[in-house]
């Protein structure tokens, strides 16, 4: 997170570039979805429904199929002067560090 004072020192053009690739709106929407989804998981668990982890092969296939969109994002970020691949790696590391609670 960046302070308001630091953000104010960034030019409007650079602010727009940062905002365009930051995914802030997507992250906020994703947070809302996660809260909604996790609430329903809790209900399902309380009702006695089984929760299973997705098959590794299915997850790999889904990842492969989504790679095109990710590659496009990296190209767009690179064109804006942002190291897209490094940004994705950083995001993936943070995501991996924040695992779901063991109940899920």
PDB file of N, CA and C in Angstrom:
ATOM      1  N   UNK A   1       0.850  -1.170   0.000  1.00  0.00           N
ATOM      2  CA  UNK A   1       0.000   0.000   0.000  1.00  0.00           C
ATOM      3  C   UNK A   1       0.896   1.233   0.000  1.00  0.00           C
ATOM      4  N   UNK A   2       0.460   2.250  -0.675  1.00  0.00           N
ATOM      5  CA  UNK A   2       1.217   3.491  -0.778  1.00  0.00           C
ATOM      6  C   UNK A   2       0.468   4.589  -0.035  1.00  0.00           C
ATOM      7  N   UNK A   3       1.217   5.444   0.640  1.00  0.00           N
ATOM      8  CA  UNK A   3       0.575   6.527   1.388  1.00  0.00           C
ATOM      9  C   UNK A   3      -0.004   7.555   0.425  1.00  0.00           C
ATOM     10  N   UNK A   4      -0.961   8.322   0.911  1.00  0.00           N
ATOM     11  CA  UNK A   4      -1.554   9.378   0.093  1.00  0.00           C
ATOM     12  C   UNK A   4      -0.499  10.395  -0.318  1.00  0.00           C
ATOM     13  N   UNK A   5       0.444  10.695   0.592  1.00  0.00           N
ATOM     14  CA  UNK A   5       1.484  11.670   0.286  1.00  0.00           C
ATOM     15  C   UNK A   5       2.382  11.158  -0.838  1.00  0.00           C
ATOM     16  N   UNK A   6       2.759   9.895  -0.777  1.00  0.00           N
ATOM     17  CA  UNK A   6       3.603   9.313  -1.828  1.00  0.00           C
ATOM     18  C   UNK A   6       2.842   9.264  -3.149  1.00  0.00           C
ATOM     19  N   UNK A   7       1.575   8.892  -3.100  1.00  0.00           N
ATOM     20  CA  UNK A   7       0.756   8.821  -4.316  1.00  0.00           C
ATOM     21  C   UNK A   7       0.656  10.210  -4.964  1.00  0.00           C
ATOM     22  N   UNK A   8       0.517  11.234  -4.150  1.00  0.00           N
ATOM     23  CA  UNK A   8       0.390  12.593  -4.667  1.00  0.00           C
ATOM     24  C   UNK A   8       1.658  13.050  -5.394  1.00  0.00           C
ATOM     25  N   UNK A   9       2.803  12.474  -5.075  1.00  0.00           N
ATOM     26  CA  UNK A   9       4.059  12.843  -5.741  1.00  0.00           C
ATOM     27  C   UNK A   9       4.227  12.145  -7.095  1.00  0.00           C
ATOM     28  N   UNK A  10       3.370  11.195  -7.404  1.00  0.00           N
ATOM     29  CA  UNK A  10       3.430  10.467  -8.671  1.00  0.00           C
ATOM     30  C   UNK A  10       2.619  11.234  -9.708  1.00  0.00           C
ATOM     31  N   UNK A  11       3.168  11.375 -10.888  1.00  0.00           N
ATOM     32  CA  UNK A  11       2.465  12.132 -11.932  1.00  0.00           C
ATOM     33  C   UNK A  11       1.134  11.461 -12.271  1.00  0.00           C
ATOM     34  N   UNK A  12       0.214  12.263 -12.798  1.00  0.00           N
ATOM     35  CA  UNK A  12      -1.103  11.740 -13.177  1.00  0.00           C
ATOM     36  C   UNK A  12      -0.978  10.652 -14.233  1.00  0.00           C
ATOM     37  N   UNK A  13      -0.031  10.824 -15.156  1.00  0.00           N
ATOM     38  CA  UNK A  13       0.171   9.808 -16.202  1.00  0.00           C
ATOM     39  C   UNK A  13       0.623   8.496 -15.582  1.00  0.00           C
ATOM     40  N   UNK A  14       1.585   8.571 -14.645  1.00  0.00           N
ATOM     41  CA  UNK A  14       2.063   7.353 -13.987  1.00  0.00           C
ATOM     42  C   UNK A  14       0.994   6.742 -13.077  1.00  0.00           C
ATOM     43  N   UNK A  15       0.206   7.591 -12.426  1.00  0.00           N
ATOM     44  CA  UNK A  15      -0.899   7.081 -11.610  1.00  0.00           C
ATOM     45  C   UNK A  15      -1.865   6.286 -12.476  1.00  0.00           C
ATOM     46  N   UNK A  16      -2.173   6.817 -13.644  1.00  0.00           N
ATOM     47  CA  UNK A  16      -3.097   6.132 -14.549  1.00  0.00           C
ATOM     48  C   UNK A  16      -2.521   4.798 -15.004  1.00  0.00           C
ATOM     49  N   UNK A  17      -1.217   4.763 -15.287  1.00  0.00           N
ATOM     50  CA  UNK A  17      -0.578   3.506 -15.706  1.00  0.00           C
ATOM     51  C   UNK A  17      -0.603   2.489 -14.573  1.00  0.00           C
ATOM     52  N   UNK A  18      -0.313   2.925 -13.378  1.00  0.00           N
ATOM     53  CA  UNK A  18      -0.326   2.026 -12.217  1.00  0.00           C
ATOM     54  C   UNK A  18      -1.727   1.479 -11.992  1.00  0.00           C
ATOM     55  N   UNK A  19      -2.709   2.360 -12.024  1.00  0.00           N
ATOM     56  CA  UNK A  19      -4.093   1.941 -11.813  1.00  0.00           C
ATOM     57  C   UNK A  19      -4.557   0.977 -12.900  1.00  0.00           C
ATOM     58  N   UNK A  20      -4.132   1.230 -14.141  1.00  0.00           N
ATOM     59  CA  UNK A  20      -4.572   0.392 -15.269  1.00  0.00           C
ATOM     60  C   UNK A  20      -4.106  -1.045 -15.138  1.00  0.00           C
ATOM     61  N   UNK A  21      -2.936  -1.258 -14.559  1.00  0.00           N
ATOM     62  CA  UNK A  21      -2.414  -2.626 -14.465  1.00  0.00           C
ATOM     63  C   UNK A  21      -2.494  -3.206 -13.065  1.00  0.00           C
ATOM     64  N   UNK A  22      -2.921  -2.417 -12.114  1.00  0.00           N
ATOM     65  CA  UNK A  22      -2.891  -2.881 -10.727  1.00  0.00           C
ATOM     66  C   UNK A  22      -3.939  -3.941 -10.430  1.00  0.00           C
ATOM     67  N   UNK A  23      -5.015  -3.906 -11.161  1.00  0.00           N
ATOM     68  CA  UNK A  23      -6.076  -4.863 -10.880  1.00  0.00           C
ATOM     69  C   UNK A  23      -6.827  -4.535  -9.609  1.00  0.00           C
ATOM     70  N   UNK A  24      -6.735  -3.295  -9.138  1.00  0.00           N
ATOM     71  CA  UNK A  24      -7.379  -2.915  -7.888  1.00  0.00           C
ATOM     72  C   UNK A  24      -8.879  -3.183  -7.909  1.00  0.00           C
ATOM     73  N   UNK A  25      -9.535  -2.802  -8.996  1.00  0.00           N
ATOM     74  CA  UNK A  25     -10.982  -3.025  -9.089  1.00  0.00           C
ATOM     75  C   UNK A  25     -11.295  -4.513  -9.088  1.00  0.00           C
ATOM     76  N   UNK A  26     -10.474  -5.277  -9.817  1.00  0.00           N
ATOM     77  CA  UNK A  26     -10.676  -6.725  -9.852  1.00  0.00           C
ATOM     78  C   UNK A  26     -10.429  -7.319  -8.469  1.00  0.00           C
ATOM     79  N   UNK A  27      -9.399  -6.836  -7.793  1.00  0.00           N
ATOM     80  CA  UNK A  27      -9.091  -7.348  -6.457  1.00  0.00           C
ATOM     81  C   UNK A  27     -10.237  -7.077  -5.484  1.00  0.00           C
ATOM     82  N   UNK A  28     -10.809  -5.887  -5.558  1.00  0.00           N
ATOM     83  CA  UNK A  28     -11.933  -5.557  -4.672  1.00  0.00           C
ATOM     84  C   UNK A  28     -13.145  -6.440  -4.988  1.00  0.00           C
ATOM     85  N   UNK A  29     -13.411  -6.637  -6.273  1.00  0.00           N
ATOM     86  CA  UNK A  29     -14.518  -7.509  -6.661  1.00  0.00           C
ATOM     87  C   UNK A  29     -14.245  -8.937  -6.225  1.00  0.00           C
ATOM     88  N   UNK A  30     -12.999  -9.355  -6.350  1.00  0.00           N
ATOM     89  CA  UNK A  30     -12.621 -10.704  -5.952  1.00  0.00           C
ATOM     90  C   UNK A  30     -12.783 -10.892  -4.448  1.00  0.00           C
ATOM     91  N   UNK A  31     -12.432  -9.871  -3.682  1.00  0.00           N
ATOM     92  CA  UNK A  31     -12.602  -9.944  -2.236  1.00  0.00           C
ATOM     93  C   UNK A  31     -14.068 -10.140  -1.880  1.00  0.00           C
ATOM     94  N   UNK A  32     -14.940  -9.385  -2.540  1.00  0.00           N
ATOM     95  CA  UNK A  32     -16.374  -9.539  -2.295  1.00  0.00           C
ATOM     96  C   UNK A  32     -16.840 -10.942  -2.666  1.00  0.00           C
ATOM     97  N   UNK A  33     -16.340 -11.443  -3.802  1.00  0.00           N
ATOM     98  CA  UNK A  33     -16.715 -12.793  -4.224  1.00  0.00           C
ATOM     99  C   UNK A  33     -16.204 -13.827  -3.219  1.00  0.00           C
ATOM    100  N   UNK A  34     -14.953 -13.661  -2.763  1.00  0.00           N
ATOM    101  CA  UNK A  34     -14.382 -14.603  -1.793  1.00  0.00           C
ATOM    102  C   UNK A  34     -15.210 -14.637  -0.512  1.00  0.00           C
ATOM    103  N   UNK A  35     -15.617 -13.461  -0.033  1.00  0.00           N
ATOM    104  CA  UNK A  35     -16.442 -13.411   1.180  1.00  0.00           C
ATOM    105  C   UNK A  35     -17.760 -14.131   0.957  1.00  0.00           C
ATOM    106  N   UNK A  36     -18.374 -13.893  -0.192  1.00  0.00           N
ATOM    107  CA  UNK A  36     -19.637 -14.556  -0.539  1.00  0.00           C
ATOM    108  C   UNK A  36     -19.429 -16.064  -0.632  1.00  0.00           C
ATOM    109  N   UNK A  37     -18.401 -16.463  -1.374  1.00  0.00           N
ATOM    110  CA  UNK A  37     -18.110 -17.885  -1.596  1.00  0.00           C
ATOM    111  C   UNK A  37     -17.777 -18.596  -0.289  1.00  0.00           C
ATOM    112  N   UNK A  38     -16.928 -17.988   0.516  1.00  0.00           N
ATOM    113  CA  UNK A  38     -16.555 -18.614   1.785  1.00  0.00           C
ATOM    114  C   UNK A  38     -17.742 -18.729   2.729  1.00  0.00           C
ATOM    115  N   UNK A  39     -18.656 -17.759   2.667  1.00  0.00           N
ATOM    116  CA  UNK A  39     -19.873 -17.851   3.473  1.00  0.00           C
ATOM    117  C   UNK A  39     -20.696 -19.067   3.072  1.00  0.00           C
ATOM    118  N   UNK A  40     -20.806 -19.316   1.781  1.00  0.00           N
ATOM    119  CA  UNK A  40     -21.550 -20.484   1.311  1.00  0.00           C
ATOM    120  C   UNK A  40     -20.819 -21.786   1.633  1.00  0.00           C
ATOM    121  N   UNK A  41     -19.494 -21.768   1.603  1.00  0.00           N
ATOM    122  CA  UNK A  41     -18.741 -22.968   2.014  1.00  0.00           C
ATOM    123  C   UNK A  41     -19.054 -23.310   3.465  1.00  0.00           C
ATOM    124  N   UNK A  42     -19.084 -22.288   4.307  1.00  0.00           N
ATOM    125  CA  UNK A  42     -19.391 -22.528   5.729  1.00  0.00           C
ATOM    126  C   UNK A  42     -20.787 -23.135   5.885  1.00  0.00           C
ATOM    127  N   UNK A  43     -21.739 -22.626   5.107  1.00  0.00           N
ATOM    128  CA  UNK A  43     -23.099 -23.179   5.157  1.00  0.00           C
ATOM    129  C   UNK A  43     -23.083 -24.641   4.707  1.00  0.00           C
ATOM    130  N   UNK A  44     -22.378 -24.931   3.621  1.00  0.00           N
ATOM    131  CA  UNK A  44     -22.313 -26.305   3.110  1.00  0.00           C
ATOM    132  C   UNK A  44     -21.688 -27.237   4.143  1.00  0.00           C
ATOM    133  N   UNK A  45     -20.622 -26.781   4.801  1.00  0.00           N
ATOM    134  CA  UNK A  45     -19.973 -27.598   5.822  1.00  0.00           C
ATOM    135  C   UNK A  45     -20.932 -27.830   6.985  1.00  0.00           C
ATOM    136  N   UNK A  46     -21.626 -26.774   7.400  1.00  0.00           N
ATOM    137  CA  UNK A  46     -22.585 -26.892   8.499  1.00  0.00           C
ATOM    138  C   UNK A  46     -23.706 -27.862   8.153  1.00  0.00           C
ATOM    139  N   UNK A  47     -24.081 -27.938   6.867  1.00  0.00           N
ATOM    140  CA  UNK A  47     -25.132 -28.844   6.415  1.00  0.00           C
ATOM    141  C   UNK A  47     -24.623 -30.266   6.198  1.00  0.00           C
ATOM    142  N   UNK A  48     -23.298 -30.463   6.339  1.00  0.00           N
ATOM    143  CA  UNK A  48     -22.748 -31.797   6.203  1.00  0.00           C
ATOM    144  C   UNK A  48     -22.337 -32.185   4.791  1.00  0.00           C
ATOM    145  N   UNK A  49     -22.297 -31.225   3.875  1.00  0.00           N
ATOM    146  CA  UNK A  49     -21.885 -31.538   2.510  1.00  0.00           C
ATOM    147  C   UNK A  49     -20.372 -31.696   2.443  1.00  0.00           C
ATOM    148  N   UNK A  50     -19.926 -32.578   1.583  1.00  0.00           N
ATOM    149  CA  UNK A  50     -18.492 -32.821   1.433  1.00  0.00           C
ATOM    150  C   UNK A  50     -17.853 -31.736   0.574  1.00  0.00           C
ATOM    151  N   UNK A  51     -16.682 -31.323   0.989  1.00  0.00           N
ATOM    152  CA  UNK A  51     -15.871 -30.383   0.222  1.00  0.00           C
ATOM    153  C   UNK A  51     -14.626 -31.154  -0.224  1.00  0.00           C
ATOM    154  N   UNK A  52     -14.326 -31.124  -1.498  1.00  0.00           N
ATOM    155  CA  UNK A  52     -13.143 -31.830  -2.001  1.00  0.00           C
ATOM    156  C   UNK A  52     -12.256 -30.847  -2.748  1.00  0.00           C
ATOM    157  N   UNK A  53     -10.989 -31.125  -2.712  1.00  0.00           N
ATOM    158  CA  UNK A  53     -10.032 -30.311  -3.467  1.00  0.00           C
ATOM    159  C   UNK A  53     -10.080 -30.731  -4.931  1.00  0.00           C
ATOM    160  N   UNK A  54      -9.898 -29.762  -5.806  1.00  0.00           N
ATOM    161  CA  UNK A  54      -9.922 -30.045  -7.239  1.00  0.00           C
ATOM    162  C   UNK A  54      -8.751 -30.940  -7.626  1.00  0.00           C
ATOM    163  N   UNK A  55      -8.977 -31.746  -8.629  1.00  0.00           N
ATOM    164  CA  UNK A  55      -7.963 -32.633  -9.173  1.00  0.00           C
ATOM    165  C   UNK A  55      -6.791 -31.816  -9.715  1.00  0.00           C
ATOM    166  N   UNK A  56      -5.572 -32.276  -9.465  1.00  0.00           N
ATOM    167  CA  UNK A  56      -4.373 -31.571  -9.905  1.00  0.00           C
ATOM    168  C   UNK A  56      -4.365 -31.390 -11.423  1.00  0.00           C
ATOM    169  N   UNK A  57      -4.771 -32.405 -12.164  1.00  0.00           N
ATOM    170  CA  UNK A  57      -4.798 -32.300 -13.628  1.00  0.00           C
ATOM    171  C   UNK A  57      -5.813 -31.263 -14.096  1.00  0.00           C
ATOM    172  N   UNK A  58      -6.958 -31.195 -13.435  1.00  0.00           N
ATOM    173  CA  UNK A  58      -7.959 -30.189 -13.785  1.00  0.00           C
ATOM    174  C   UNK A  58      -7.410 -28.791 -13.514  1.00  0.00           C
ATOM    175  N   UNK A  59      -6.769 -28.599 -12.382  1.00  0.00           N
ATOM    176  CA  UNK A  59      -6.199 -27.296 -12.066  1.00  0.00           C
ATOM    177  C   UNK A  59      -5.135 -26.899 -13.094  1.00  0.00           C
ATOM    178  N   UNK A  60      -4.315 -27.850 -13.504  1.00  0.00           N
ATOM    179  CA  UNK A  60      -3.285 -27.578 -14.514  1.00  0.00           C
ATOM    180  C   UNK A  60      -3.927 -27.170 -15.845  1.00  0.00           C
ATOM    181  N   UNK A  61      -4.996 -27.857 -16.227  1.00  0.00           N
ATOM    182  CA  UNK A  61      -5.685 -27.521 -17.476  1.00  0.00           C
ATOM    183  C   UNK A  61      -6.296 -26.124 -17.407  1.00  0.00           C
ATOM    184  N   UNK A  62      -6.921 -25.803 -16.288  1.00  0.00           N
ATOM    185  CA  UNK A  62      -7.510 -24.471 -16.125  1.00  0.00           C
ATOM    186  C   UNK A  62      -6.431 -23.395 -16.185  1.00  0.00           C
ATOM    187  N   UNK A  63      -5.295 -23.674 -15.572  1.00  0.00           N
ATOM    188  CA  UNK A  63      -4.201 -22.715 -15.602  1.00  0.00           C
ATOM    189  C   UNK A  63      -3.696 -22.519 -17.030  1.00  0.00           C
ATOM    190  N   UNK A  64      -3.535 -23.611 -17.758  1.00  0.00           N
ATOM    191  CA  UNK A  64      -3.078 -23.513 -19.149  1.00  0.00           C
ATOM    192  C   UNK A  64      -4.060 -22.716 -19.997  1.00  0.00           C
ATOM    193  N   UNK A  65      -5.350 -22.940 -19.800  1.00  0.00           N
ATOM    194  CA  UNK A  65      -6.360 -22.249 -20.606  1.00  0.00           C
ATOM    195  C   UNK A  65      -6.442 -20.759 -20.273  1.00  0.00           C
ATOM    196  N   UNK A  66      -6.064 -20.383 -19.063  1.00  0.00           N
ATOM    197  CA  UNK A  66      -6.119 -18.966 -18.687  1.00  0.00           C
ATOM    198  C   UNK A  66      -4.827 -18.226 -19.012  1.00  0.00           C
ATOM    199  N   UNK A  67      -3.798 -18.956 -19.421  1.00  0.00           N
ATOM    200  CA  UNK A  67      -2.492 -18.349 -19.653  1.00  0.00           C
ATOM    201  C   UNK A  67      -2.522 -17.263 -20.732  1.00  0.00           C
ATOM    202  N   UNK A  68      -3.379 -17.411 -21.749  1.00  0.00           N
ATOM    203  CA  UNK A  68      -3.450 -16.404 -22.811  1.00  0.00           C
ATOM    204  C   UNK A  68      -3.793 -15.034 -22.278  1.00  0.00           C
ATOM    205  N   UNK A  69      -4.770 -14.969 -21.403  1.00  0.00           N
ATOM    206  CA  UNK A  69      -5.139 -13.689 -20.801  1.00  0.00           C
ATOM    207  C   UNK A  69      -4.014 -13.117 -19.962  1.00  0.00           C
ATOM    208  N   UNK A  70      -3.325 -13.978 -19.262  1.00  0.00           N
ATOM    209  CA  UNK A  70      -2.198 -13.546 -18.445  1.00  0.00           C
ATOM    210  C   UNK A  70      -1.065 -13.030 -19.325  1.00  0.00           C
ATOM    211  N   UNK A  71      -0.788 -13.742 -20.403  1.00  0.00           N
ATOM    212  CA  UNK A  71       0.254 -13.298 -21.338  1.00  0.00           C
ATOM    213  C   UNK A  71      -0.087 -11.927 -21.919  1.00  0.00           C
ATOM    214  N   UNK A  72      -1.351 -11.717 -22.244  1.00  0.00           N
ATOM    215  CA  UNK A  72      -1.781 -10.413 -22.766  1.00  0.00           C
ATOM    216  C   UNK A  72      -1.586  -9.313 -21.733  1.00  0.00           C
ATOM    217  N   UNK A  73      -1.883  -9.617 -20.470  1.00  0.00           N
ATOM    218  CA  UNK A  73      -1.699  -8.637 -19.396  1.00  0.00           C
ATOM    219  C   UNK A  73      -0.227  -8.283 -19.265  1.00  0.00           C
ATOM    220  N   UNK A  74       0.645  -9.280 -19.338  1.00  0.00           N
ATOM    221  CA  UNK A  74       2.084  -9.034 -19.225  1.00  0.00           C
ATOM    222  C   UNK A  74       2.562  -8.135 -20.356  1.00  0.00           C
ATOM    223  N   UNK A  75       2.112  -8.400 -21.582  1.00  0.00           N
ATOM    224  CA  UNK A  75       2.497  -7.572 -22.731  1.00  0.00           C
ATOM    225  C   UNK A  75       2.028  -6.134 -22.516  1.00  0.00           C
ATOM    226  N   UNK A  76       0.791  -5.964 -22.069  1.00  0.00           N
ATOM    227  CA  UNK A  76       0.253  -4.618 -21.826  1.00  0.00           C
ATOM    228  C   UNK A  76       1.065  -3.902 -20.752  1.00  0.00           C
ATOM    229  N   UNK A  77       1.367  -4.597 -19.663  1.00  0.00           N
ATOM    230  CA  UNK A  77       2.157  -3.997 -18.587  1.00  0.00           C
ATOM    231  C   UNK A  77       3.543  -3.612 -19.093  1.00  0.00           C
ATOM    232  N   UNK A  78       4.171  -4.504 -19.842  1.00  0.00           N
ATOM    233  CA  UNK A  78       5.505  -4.210 -20.385  1.00  0.00           C
ATOM    234  C   UNK A  78       5.483  -2.958 -21.257  1.00  0.00           C
ATOM    235  N   UNK A  79       4.455  -2.825 -22.077  1.00  0.00           N
ATOM    236  CA  UNK A  79       4.341  -1.642 -22.950  1.00  0.00           C
ATOM    237  C   UNK A  79       4.206  -0.358 -22.143  1.00  0.00           C
ATOM    238  N   UNK A  80       3.685  -0.493 -20.921  1.00  0.00           N
ATOM    239  CA  UNK A  80       3.506   0.681 -20.064  1.00  0.00           C
ATOM    240  C   UNK A  80       4.728   0.932 -19.184  1.00  0.00           C
ATOM    241  N   UNK A  81       5.781   0.152 -19.410  1.00  0.00           N
ATOM    242  CA  UNK A  81       7.007   0.348 -18.642  1.00  0.00           C
ATOM    243  C   UNK A  81       7.030  -0.387 -17.317  1.00  0.00           C
ATOM    244  N   UNK A  82       6.126  -1.323 -17.145  1.00  0.00           N
ATOM    245  CA  UNK A  82       6.059  -2.124 -15.918  1.00  0.00           C
ATOM    246  C   UNK A  82       6.500  -3.532 -16.265  1.00  0.00           C
ATOM    247  N   UNK A  83       7.372  -4.088 -15.459  1.00  0.00           N
ATOM    248  CA  UNK A  83       7.842  -5.447 -15.730  1.00  0.00           C
ATOM    249  C   UNK A  83       6.723  -6.428 -15.382  1.00  0.00           C
ATOM    250  N   UNK A  84       5.950  -6.787 -16.393  1.00  0.00           N
ATOM    251  CA  UNK A  84       4.754  -7.593 -16.207  1.00  0.00           C
ATOM    252  C   UNK A  84       5.010  -8.952 -15.593  1.00  0.00           C
ATOM    253  N   UNK A  85       5.994  -9.679 -16.109  1.00  0.00           N
ATOM    254  CA  UNK A  85       6.258 -11.024 -15.594  1.00  0.00           C
ATOM    255  C   UNK A  85       6.648 -10.962 -14.121  1.00  0.00           C
ATOM    256  N   UNK A  86       7.512 -10.005 -13.767  1.00  0.00           N
ATOM    257  CA  UNK A  86       7.930  -9.872 -12.368  1.00  0.00           C
ATOM    258  C   UNK A  86       6.748  -9.506 -11.479  1.00  0.00           C
ATOM    259  N   UNK A  87       5.848  -8.675 -11.996  1.00  0.00           N
ATOM    260  CA  UNK A  87       4.655  -8.304 -11.224  1.00  0.00           C
ATOM    261  C   UNK A  87       3.791  -9.525 -10.959  1.00  0.00           C
ATOM    262  N   UNK A  88       3.635 -10.371 -11.976  1.00  0.00           N
ATOM    263  CA  UNK A  88       2.837 -11.590 -11.808  1.00  0.00           C
ATOM    264  C   UNK A  88       3.505 -12.533 -10.813  1.00  0.00           C
ATOM    265  N   UNK A  89       4.818 -12.676 -10.902  1.00  0.00           N
ATOM    266  CA  UNK A  89       5.541 -13.537  -9.962  1.00  0.00           C
ATOM    267  C   UNK A  89       5.351 -13.055  -8.533  1.00  0.00           C
ATOM    268  N   UNK A  90       5.462 -11.733  -8.338  1.00  0.00           N
ATOM    269  CA  UNK A  90       5.273 -11.150  -7.014  1.00  0.00           C
ATOM    270  C   UNK A  90       3.865 -11.450  -6.502  1.00  0.00           C
ATOM    271  N   UNK A  91       2.862 -11.244  -7.366  1.00  0.00           N
ATOM    272  CA  UNK A  91       1.475 -11.518  -6.994  1.00  0.00           C
ATOM    273  C   UNK A  91       1.282 -12.996  -6.636  1.00  0.00           C
ATOM    274  N   UNK A  92       1.846 -13.888  -7.449  1.00  0.00           N
ATOM    275  CA  UNK A  92       1.705 -15.329  -7.199  1.00  0.00           C
ATOM    276  C   UNK A  92       2.336 -15.719  -5.869  1.00  0.00           C
ATOM    277  N   UNK A  93       3.469 -15.124  -5.549  1.00  0.00           N
ATOM    278  CA  UNK A  93       4.116 -15.412  -4.264  1.00  0.00           C
ATOM    279  C   UNK A  93       3.246 -14.966  -3.102  1.00  0.00           C
ATOM    280  N   UNK A  94       2.650 -13.766  -3.215  1.00  0.00           N
ATOM    281  CA  UNK A  94       1.775 -13.271  -2.137  1.00  0.00           C
ATOM    282  C   UNK A  94       0.527 -14.153  -2.020  1.00  0.00           C
ATOM    283  N   UNK A  95      -0.003 -14.569  -3.173  1.00  0.00           N
ATOM    284  CA  UNK A  95      -1.190 -15.410  -3.180  1.00  0.00           C
ATOM    285  C   UNK A  95      -0.898 -16.760  -2.521  1.00  0.00           C
ATOM    286  N   UNK A  96       0.242 -17.341  -2.847  1.00  0.00           N
ATOM    287  CA  UNK A  96       0.614 -18.640  -2.268  1.00  0.00           C
ATOM    288  C   UNK A  96       0.822 -18.536  -0.769  1.00  0.00           C
ATOM    289  N   UNK A  97       1.265 -17.388  -0.309  1.00  0.00           N
ATOM    290  CA  UNK A  97       1.518 -17.196   1.123  1.00  0.00           C
ATOM    291  C   UNK A  97       0.227 -17.035   1.926  1.00  0.00           C
ATOM    292  N   UNK A  98      -0.874 -16.755   1.233  1.00  0.00           N
ATOM    293  CA  UNK A  98      -2.138 -16.541   1.935  1.00  0.00           C
ATOM    294  C   UNK A  98      -3.086 -17.699   1.641  1.00  0.00           C
ATOM    295  N   UNK A  99      -2.864 -18.816   2.282  1.00  0.00           N
ATOM    296  CA  UNK A  99      -3.685 -19.997   2.072  1.00  0.00           C
ATOM    297  C   UNK A  99      -5.036 -19.854   2.762  1.00  0.00           C
ATOM    298  N   UNK A 100      -5.996 -20.601   2.248  1.00  0.00           N
ATOM    299  CA  UNK A 100      -7.313 -20.631   2.903  1.00  0.00           C
ATOM    300  C   UNK A 100      -7.209 -21.277   4.275  1.00  0.00           C
ATOM    301  N   UNK A 101      -8.083 -20.919   5.184  1.00  0.00           N
ATOM    302  CA  UNK A 101      -8.092 -21.604   6.475  1.00  0.00           C
ATOM    303  C   UNK A 101      -8.271 -23.116   6.280  1.00  0.00           C
ATOM    304  N   UNK A 102      -7.765 -23.891   7.227  1.00  0.00           N
ATOM    305  CA  UNK A 102      -7.772 -25.350   7.077  1.00  0.00           C
ATOM    306  C   UNK A 102      -9.178 -25.929   6.942  1.00  0.00           C
ATOM    307  N   UNK A 103     -10.194 -25.216   7.379  1.00  0.00           N
ATOM    308  CA  UNK A 103     -11.552 -25.742   7.271  1.00  0.00           C
ATOM    309  C   UNK A 103     -12.011 -25.838   5.827  1.00  0.00           C
ATOM    310  N   UNK A 104     -11.308 -25.179   4.896  1.00  0.00           N
ATOM    311  CA  UNK A 104     -11.681 -25.221   3.489  1.00  0.00           C
ATOM    312  C   UNK A 104     -10.789 -26.191   2.771  1.00  0.00           C
TER     313      UNK A 104
END
